[in-house]
Amino acid sequence: MKDFRYRIPGSGKTGPKKATRHYTFEAASSREHKKAFGQFSSAVTQRSESLKPVKIDLDTQEEIESRTHSIDFDGCDIKIRQSGMYMIIAAPQAGRISGSASRWINFWVRINNVDLTNSNIQRILIDCNQKDVIPLNVVMPLNTGDVLNMIMAAETTNEGLGIEKIEPDGEPMIPSIIVTMVQLD
């Protein structure tokens, strides 16, 4: 190993140091992203109006500074452009507008119109003042052309169960859902 000189903090002296690793850092603008990633959200409150499962609408994709997106979306559909193993993290902001009986709301992942096994999460909401983010996490292989949807189902339709955007004064809006996808391999 080659000796390097470094300054001893506070003393003005220098001493020998053995180099064990050399790191090179590039400016963010020069990095190329080879693994797919995407972050999507919705600025719309969405209430369950059917006892059947419904697809959650997404209306925003994060900006990646003039680079091409490696995952696309169209309303409810997240479209995979690059095959690989993906981590998916979804954070729906659940709430309701009326009622005081305990009611459930479920969220899960659907791939190519097939529900993903073991991806369902549930939250019990007791009253209309209760709001909660319910994290959903899955790791799974996806292929080019696969279409992923976030799905929601509620116990009842007459109490306004669903996902809610929140607009606090002087703060950024809280989306009704945020979905982050990162290719792992």
C-alpha atoms as a PDB file:
ATOM      1  CA  MET A   1       0.000   0.000   0.000  1.00  0.00           C
ATOM      2  CA  LYS A   2       1.097   3.495  -0.742  1.00  0.00           C
ATOM      3  CA  ASP A   3       1.660   6.051   2.027  1.00  0.00           C
ATOM      4  CA  PHE A   4      -0.341   9.266   1.852  1.00  0.00           C
ATOM      5  CA  ARG A   5      -0.008  12.403   3.945  1.00  0.00           C
ATOM      6  CA  TYR A   6      -2.969  13.799   5.816  1.00  0.00           C
ATOM      7  CA  ARG A   7      -3.408  16.777   8.097  1.00  0.00           C
ATOM      8  CA  ILE A   8      -3.988  15.993  11.772  1.00  0.00           C
ATOM      9  CA  PRO A   9      -7.061  18.090  12.664  1.00  0.00           C
ATOM     10  CA  GLY A  10      -6.327  21.019  14.990  1.00  0.00           C
ATOM     11  CA  SER A  11      -2.534  20.508  15.074  1.00  0.00           C
ATOM     12  CA  GLY A  12      -1.336  21.818  11.729  1.00  0.00           C
ATOM     13  CA  LYS A  13       0.911  18.722  11.524  1.00  0.00           C
ATOM     14  CA  THR A  14       0.821  15.999   8.925  1.00  0.00           C
ATOM     15  CA  GLY A  15       1.369  12.284   9.346  1.00  0.00           C
ATOM     16  CA  PRO A  16       1.522   9.089   7.290  1.00  0.00           C
ATOM     17  CA  LYS A  17      -1.694   7.248   6.473  1.00  0.00           C
ATOM     18  CA  LYS A  18      -2.107   3.924   4.729  1.00  0.00           C
ATOM     19  CA  ALA A  19      -4.563   3.991   1.846  1.00  0.00           C
ATOM     20  CA  THR A  20      -7.011   1.110   2.006  1.00  0.00           C
ATOM     21  CA  ARG A  21      -9.582   2.178  -0.570  1.00  0.00           C
ATOM     22  CA  HIS A  22      -9.829   4.811  -3.237  1.00  0.00           C
ATOM     23  CA  TYR A  23     -13.234   6.361  -3.888  1.00  0.00           C
ATOM     24  CA  THR A  24     -14.182   8.384  -6.920  1.00  0.00           C
ATOM     25  CA  PHE A  25     -17.241  10.585  -6.788  1.00  0.00           C
ATOM     26  CA  GLU A  26     -18.918  11.932  -9.888  1.00  0.00           C
ATOM     27  CA  ALA A  27     -21.113  14.960 -10.165  1.00  0.00           C
ATOM     28  CA  ALA A  28     -24.799  13.969 -10.030  1.00  0.00           C
ATOM     29  CA  SER A  29     -25.306  15.320 -13.543  1.00  0.00           C
ATOM     30  CA  SER A  30     -22.740  12.907 -14.997  1.00  0.00           C
ATOM     31  CA  ARG A  31     -24.117   9.716 -13.401  1.00  0.00           C
ATOM     32  CA  GLU A  32     -25.971   7.241 -15.553  1.00  0.00           C
ATOM     33  CA  HIS A  33     -28.829   5.307 -14.007  1.00  0.00           C
ATOM     34  CA  LYS A  34     -28.745   1.737 -15.216  1.00  0.00           C
ATOM     35  CA  LYS A  35     -31.286   0.353 -12.747  1.00  0.00           C
ATOM     36  CA  ALA A  36     -34.909   1.327 -13.125  1.00  0.00           C
ATOM     37  CA  PHE A  37     -36.629   3.485 -10.532  1.00  0.00           C
ATOM     38  CA  GLY A  38     -39.776   5.532 -10.241  1.00  0.00           C
ATOM     39  CA  GLN A  39     -41.797   7.473  -7.727  1.00  0.00           C
ATOM     40  CA  PHE A  40     -45.472   8.118  -8.293  1.00  0.00           C
ATOM     41  CA  SER A  41     -48.160   9.850  -6.248  1.00  0.00           C
ATOM     42  CA  SER A  42     -51.707  11.128  -6.317  1.00  0.00           C
ATOM     43  CA  ALA A  43     -52.887  14.610  -5.428  1.00  0.00           C
ATOM     44  CA  VAL A  44     -56.500  13.395  -5.461  1.00  0.00           C
ATOM     45  CA  THR A  45     -58.664  12.074  -2.635  1.00  0.00           C
ATOM     46  CA  GLN A  46     -60.117   8.721  -3.726  1.00  0.00           C
ATOM     47  CA  ARG A  47     -63.082   7.144  -1.931  1.00  0.00           C
ATOM     48  CA  SER A  48     -64.317   3.587  -2.314  1.00  0.00           C
ATOM     49  CA  GLU A  49     -67.646   3.795  -4.172  1.00  0.00           C
ATOM     50  CA  SER A  50     -68.021   0.033  -4.712  1.00  0.00           C
ATOM     51  CA  LEU A  51     -67.627  -3.065  -2.583  1.00  0.00           C
ATOM     52  CA  LYS A  52     -65.479  -4.449  -5.388  1.00  0.00           C
ATOM     53  CA  PRO A  53     -61.725  -3.742  -5.472  1.00  0.00           C
ATOM     54  CA  VAL A  54     -60.749  -0.591  -7.392  1.00  0.00           C
ATOM     55  CA  LYS A  55     -57.495   0.569  -8.971  1.00  0.00           C
ATOM     56  CA  ILE A  56     -55.897   3.611  -7.357  1.00  0.00           C
ATOM     57  CA  ASP A  57     -55.250   6.515  -9.726  1.00  0.00           C
ATOM     58  CA  LEU A  58     -51.800   8.093  -9.862  1.00  0.00           C
ATOM     59  CA  ASP A  59     -51.356  11.569 -11.347  1.00  0.00           C
ATOM     60  CA  THR A  60     -47.717  12.529 -10.721  1.00  0.00           C
ATOM     61  CA  GLN A  61     -44.326  11.023 -11.527  1.00  0.00           C
ATOM     62  CA  GLU A  62     -41.261  12.535  -9.869  1.00  0.00           C
ATOM     63  CA  GLU A  63     -39.065  14.721 -12.033  1.00  0.00           C
ATOM     64  CA  ILE A  64     -35.668  13.285 -12.929  1.00  0.00           C
ATOM     65  CA  GLU A  65     -34.065  16.397 -14.387  1.00  0.00           C
ATOM     66  CA  SER A  66     -34.630  15.861 -18.126  1.00  0.00           C
ATOM     67  CA  ARG A  67     -33.599  12.196 -18.136  1.00  0.00           C
ATOM     68  CA  THR A  68     -35.862   9.516 -19.539  1.00  0.00           C
ATOM     69  CA  HIS A  69     -38.098   7.673 -17.113  1.00  0.00           C
ATOM     70  CA  SER A  70     -37.194   4.019 -16.618  1.00  0.00           C
ATOM     71  CA  ILE A  71     -40.714   3.151 -15.399  1.00  0.00           C
ATOM     72  CA  ASP A  72     -43.814   4.709 -16.977  1.00  0.00           C
ATOM     73  CA  PHE A  73     -47.335   5.277 -15.744  1.00  0.00           C
ATOM     74  CA  ASP A  74     -50.704   6.026 -17.271  1.00  0.00           C
ATOM     75  CA  GLY A  75     -53.401   6.801 -14.703  1.00  0.00           C
ATOM     76  CA  CYS A  76     -53.750   3.592 -12.689  1.00  0.00           C
ATOM     77  CA  ASP A  77     -51.151   1.610 -14.634  1.00  0.00           C
ATOM     78  CA  ILE A  78     -47.445   1.506 -13.759  1.00  0.00           C
ATOM     79  CA  LYS A  79     -45.634   0.076 -16.796  1.00  0.00           C
ATOM     80  CA  ILE A  80     -42.332  -1.764 -16.464  1.00  0.00           C
ATOM     81  CA  ARG A  81     -39.748  -0.965 -19.154  1.00  0.00           C
ATOM     82  CA  GLN A  82     -36.854  -3.040 -17.796  1.00  0.00           C
ATOM     83  CA  SER A  83     -36.966  -6.620 -16.440  1.00  0.00           C
ATOM     84  CA  GLY A  84     -35.510  -7.235 -12.997  1.00  0.00           C
ATOM     85  CA  MET A  85     -36.112  -7.709  -9.283  1.00  0.00           C
ATOM     86  CA  TYR A  86     -37.966  -4.705  -7.816  1.00  0.00           C
ATOM     87  CA  MET A  87     -38.692  -3.330  -4.368  1.00  0.00           C
ATOM     88  CA  ILE A  88     -42.066  -1.607  -4.225  1.00  0.00           C
ATOM     89  CA  ILE A  89     -42.988   0.646  -1.317  1.00  0.00           C
ATOM     90  CA  ALA A  90     -46.469   2.154  -1.265  1.00  0.00           C
ATOM     91  CA  ALA A  91     -47.816   4.528   1.374  1.00  0.00           C
ATOM     92  CA  PRO A  92     -51.569   5.193   1.090  1.00  0.00           C
ATOM     93  CA  GLN A  93     -52.989   7.905   3.404  1.00  0.00           C
ATOM     94  CA  ALA A  94     -56.216   6.229   4.661  1.00  0.00           C
ATOM     95  CA  GLY A  95     -59.192   8.021   6.131  1.00  0.00           C
ATOM     96  CA  ARG A  96     -62.984   8.262   6.157  1.00  0.00           C
ATOM     97  CA  ILE A  97     -65.599  11.025   6.252  1.00  0.00           C
ATOM     98  CA  SER A  98     -68.382   9.591   8.448  1.00  0.00           C
ATOM     99  CA  GLY A  99     -69.355   6.814  10.827  1.00  0.00           C
ATOM    100  CA  SER A 100     -68.046   5.609  14.158  1.00  0.00           C
ATOM    101  CA  ALA A 101     -68.128   1.813  13.792  1.00  0.00           C
ATOM    102  CA  SER A 102     -64.825   0.044  13.147  1.00  0.00           C
ATOM    103  CA  ARG A 103     -64.399  -0.434   9.372  1.00  0.00           C
ATOM    104  CA  TRP A 104     -61.576  -2.014   7.384  1.00  0.00           C
ATOM    105  CA  ILE A 105     -59.829  -0.817   4.241  1.00  0.00           C
ATOM    106  CA  ASN A 106     -57.353  -3.006   2.325  1.00  0.00           C
ATOM    107  CA  PHE A 107     -54.544  -2.236  -0.139  1.00  0.00           C
ATOM    108  CA  TRP A 108     -52.553  -4.635  -2.332  1.00  0.00           C
ATOM    109  CA  VAL A 109     -50.586  -5.040  -5.561  1.00  0.00           C
ATOM    110  CA  ARG A 110     -51.959  -6.424  -8.832  1.00  0.00           C
ATOM    111  CA  ILE A 111     -49.671  -7.473 -11.716  1.00  0.00           C
ATOM    112  CA  ASN A 112     -51.127  -7.965 -15.215  1.00  0.00           C
ATOM    113  CA  ASN A 113     -54.644  -8.123 -13.690  1.00  0.00           C
ATOM    114  CA  VAL A 114     -53.651 -10.861 -11.195  1.00  0.00           C
ATOM    115  CA  ASP A 115     -53.582 -10.098  -7.453  1.00  0.00           C
ATOM    116  CA  LEU A 116     -50.114 -10.578  -5.949  1.00  0.00           C
ATOM    117  CA  THR A 117     -50.145 -13.196  -3.191  1.00  0.00           C
ATOM    118  CA  ASN A 118     -49.182 -11.942   0.284  1.00  0.00           C
ATOM    119  CA  SER A 119     -49.224  -8.258  -0.687  1.00  0.00           C
ATOM    120  CA  ASN A 120     -52.471  -7.260   1.069  1.00  0.00           C
ATOM    121  CA  ILE A 121     -52.440  -4.919   4.060  1.00  0.00           C
ATOM    122  CA  GLN A 122     -55.399  -3.822   6.181  1.00  0.00           C
ATOM    123  CA  ARG A 123     -56.205  -0.874   8.401  1.00  0.00           C
ATOM    124  CA  ILE A 124     -59.175  -0.601  10.722  1.00  0.00           C
ATOM    125  CA  LEU A 125     -60.523   2.957  10.947  1.00  0.00           C
ATOM    126  CA  ILE A 126     -62.761   3.831  13.886  1.00  0.00           C
ATOM    127  CA  ASP A 127     -63.852   7.435  13.289  1.00  0.00           C
ATOM    128  CA  CYS A 128     -63.650  10.227  10.721  1.00  0.00           C
ATOM    129  CA  ASN A 129     -60.886  12.086  12.604  1.00  0.00           C
ATOM    130  CA  GLN A 130     -58.506   9.159  12.222  1.00  0.00           C
ATOM    131  CA  LYS A 131     -55.932   9.317   9.386  1.00  0.00           C
ATOM    132  CA  ASP A 132     -53.105   6.873   8.903  1.00  0.00           C
ATOM    133  CA  VAL A 133     -50.372   5.984   6.427  1.00  0.00           C
ATOM    134  CA  ILE A 134     -50.328   2.236   5.844  1.00  0.00           C
ATOM    135  CA  PRO A 135     -46.981   1.049   4.430  1.00  0.00           C
ATOM    136  CA  LEU A 136     -47.047  -1.749   1.874  1.00  0.00           C
ATOM    137  CA  ASN A 137     -43.711  -3.339   0.898  1.00  0.00           C
ATOM    138  CA  VAL A 138     -43.001  -6.118  -1.599  1.00  0.00           C
ATOM    139  CA  VAL A 139     -39.967  -7.441  -3.460  1.00  0.00           C
ATOM    140  CA  MET A 140     -40.696  -9.269  -6.689  1.00  0.00           C
ATOM    141  CA  PRO A 141     -39.449  -9.992 -10.205  1.00  0.00           C
ATOM    142  CA  LEU A 142     -41.069  -7.949 -12.969  1.00  0.00           C
ATOM    143  CA  ASN A 143     -40.673  -8.260 -16.732  1.00  0.00           C
ATOM    144  CA  THR A 144     -40.627  -5.670 -19.492  1.00  0.00           C
ATOM    145  CA  GLY A 145     -44.236  -4.944 -20.401  1.00  0.00           C
ATOM    146  CA  ASP A 146     -45.708  -5.931 -17.015  1.00  0.00           C
ATOM    147  CA  VAL A 147     -48.413  -3.594 -15.715  1.00  0.00           C
ATOM    148  CA  LEU A 148     -48.647  -3.007 -11.978  1.00  0.00           C
ATOM    149  CA  ASN A 149     -51.642  -1.524 -10.142  1.00  0.00           C
ATOM    150  CA  MET A 150     -52.237  -0.479  -6.575  1.00  0.00           C
ATOM    151  CA  ILE A 151     -55.660  -1.781  -5.476  1.00  0.00           C
ATOM    152  CA  MET A 152     -58.019  -0.646  -2.712  1.00  0.00           C
ATOM    153  CA  ALA A 153     -61.120  -2.302  -1.235  1.00  0.00           C
ATOM    154  CA  ALA A 154     -63.296  -1.174   1.670  1.00  0.00           C
ATOM    155  CA  GLU A 155     -65.847  -2.787   3.952  1.00  0.00           C
ATOM    156  CA  THR A 156     -68.578  -0.272   3.132  1.00  0.00           C
ATOM    157  CA  THR A 157     -69.305   2.444   0.577  1.00  0.00           C
ATOM    158  CA  ASN A 158     -71.491   4.813   2.598  1.00  0.00           C
ATOM    159  CA  GLU A 159     -68.876   6.172   5.042  1.00  0.00           C
ATOM    160  CA  GLY A 160     -66.295   7.613   2.635  1.00  0.00           C
ATOM    161  CA  LEU A 161     -63.503   5.117   3.285  1.00  0.00           C
ATOM    162  CA  GLY A 162     -60.548   5.735   1.009  1.00  0.00           C
ATOM    163  CA  ILE A 163     -57.279   7.573   0.546  1.00  0.00           C
ATOM    164  CA  GLU A 164     -57.036  11.298   1.251  1.00  0.00           C
ATOM    165  CA  LYS A 165     -54.780  14.131   0.184  1.00  0.00           C
ATOM    166  CA  ILE A 166     -54.164  16.634   2.961  1.00  0.00           C
ATOM    167  CA  GLU A 167     -53.112  20.260   2.462  1.00  0.00           C
ATOM    168  CA  PRO A 168     -51.561  21.618   5.693  1.00  0.00           C
ATOM    169  CA  ASP A 169     -51.108  25.397   5.898  1.00  0.00           C
ATOM    170  CA  GLY A 170     -47.570  26.491   5.042  1.00  0.00           C
ATOM    171  CA  GLU A 171     -46.381  22.943   4.270  1.00  0.00           C
ATOM    172  CA  PRO A 172     -46.186  20.717   1.192  1.00  0.00           C
ATOM    173  CA  MET A 173     -49.298  18.770   0.273  1.00  0.00           C
ATOM    174  CA  ILE A 174     -49.580  15.235   1.647  1.00  0.00           C
ATOM    175  CA  PRO A 175     -50.468  13.027  -1.363  1.00  0.00           C
ATOM    176  CA  SER A 176     -53.217  10.444  -0.987  1.00  0.00           C
ATOM    177  CA  ILE A 177     -50.625   7.807  -1.954  1.00  0.00           C
ATOM    178  CA  ILE A 178     -46.908   7.651  -2.743  1.00  0.00           C
ATOM    179  CA  VAL A 179     -45.478   4.629  -4.585  1.00  0.00           C
ATOM    180  CA  THR A 180     -41.709   4.145  -4.879  1.00  0.00           C
ATOM    181  CA  MET A 181     -40.170   1.439  -7.082  1.00  0.00           C
ATOM    182  CA  VAL A 182     -36.465   0.571  -7.261  1.00  0.00           C
ATOM    183  CA  GLN A 183     -34.846  -2.149  -9.352  1.00  0.00           C
ATOM    184  CA  LEU A 184     -32.524  -4.171  -7.132  1.00  0.00           C
ATOM    185  CA  ASP A 185     -30.494  -6.158  -9.663  1.00  0.00           C
END
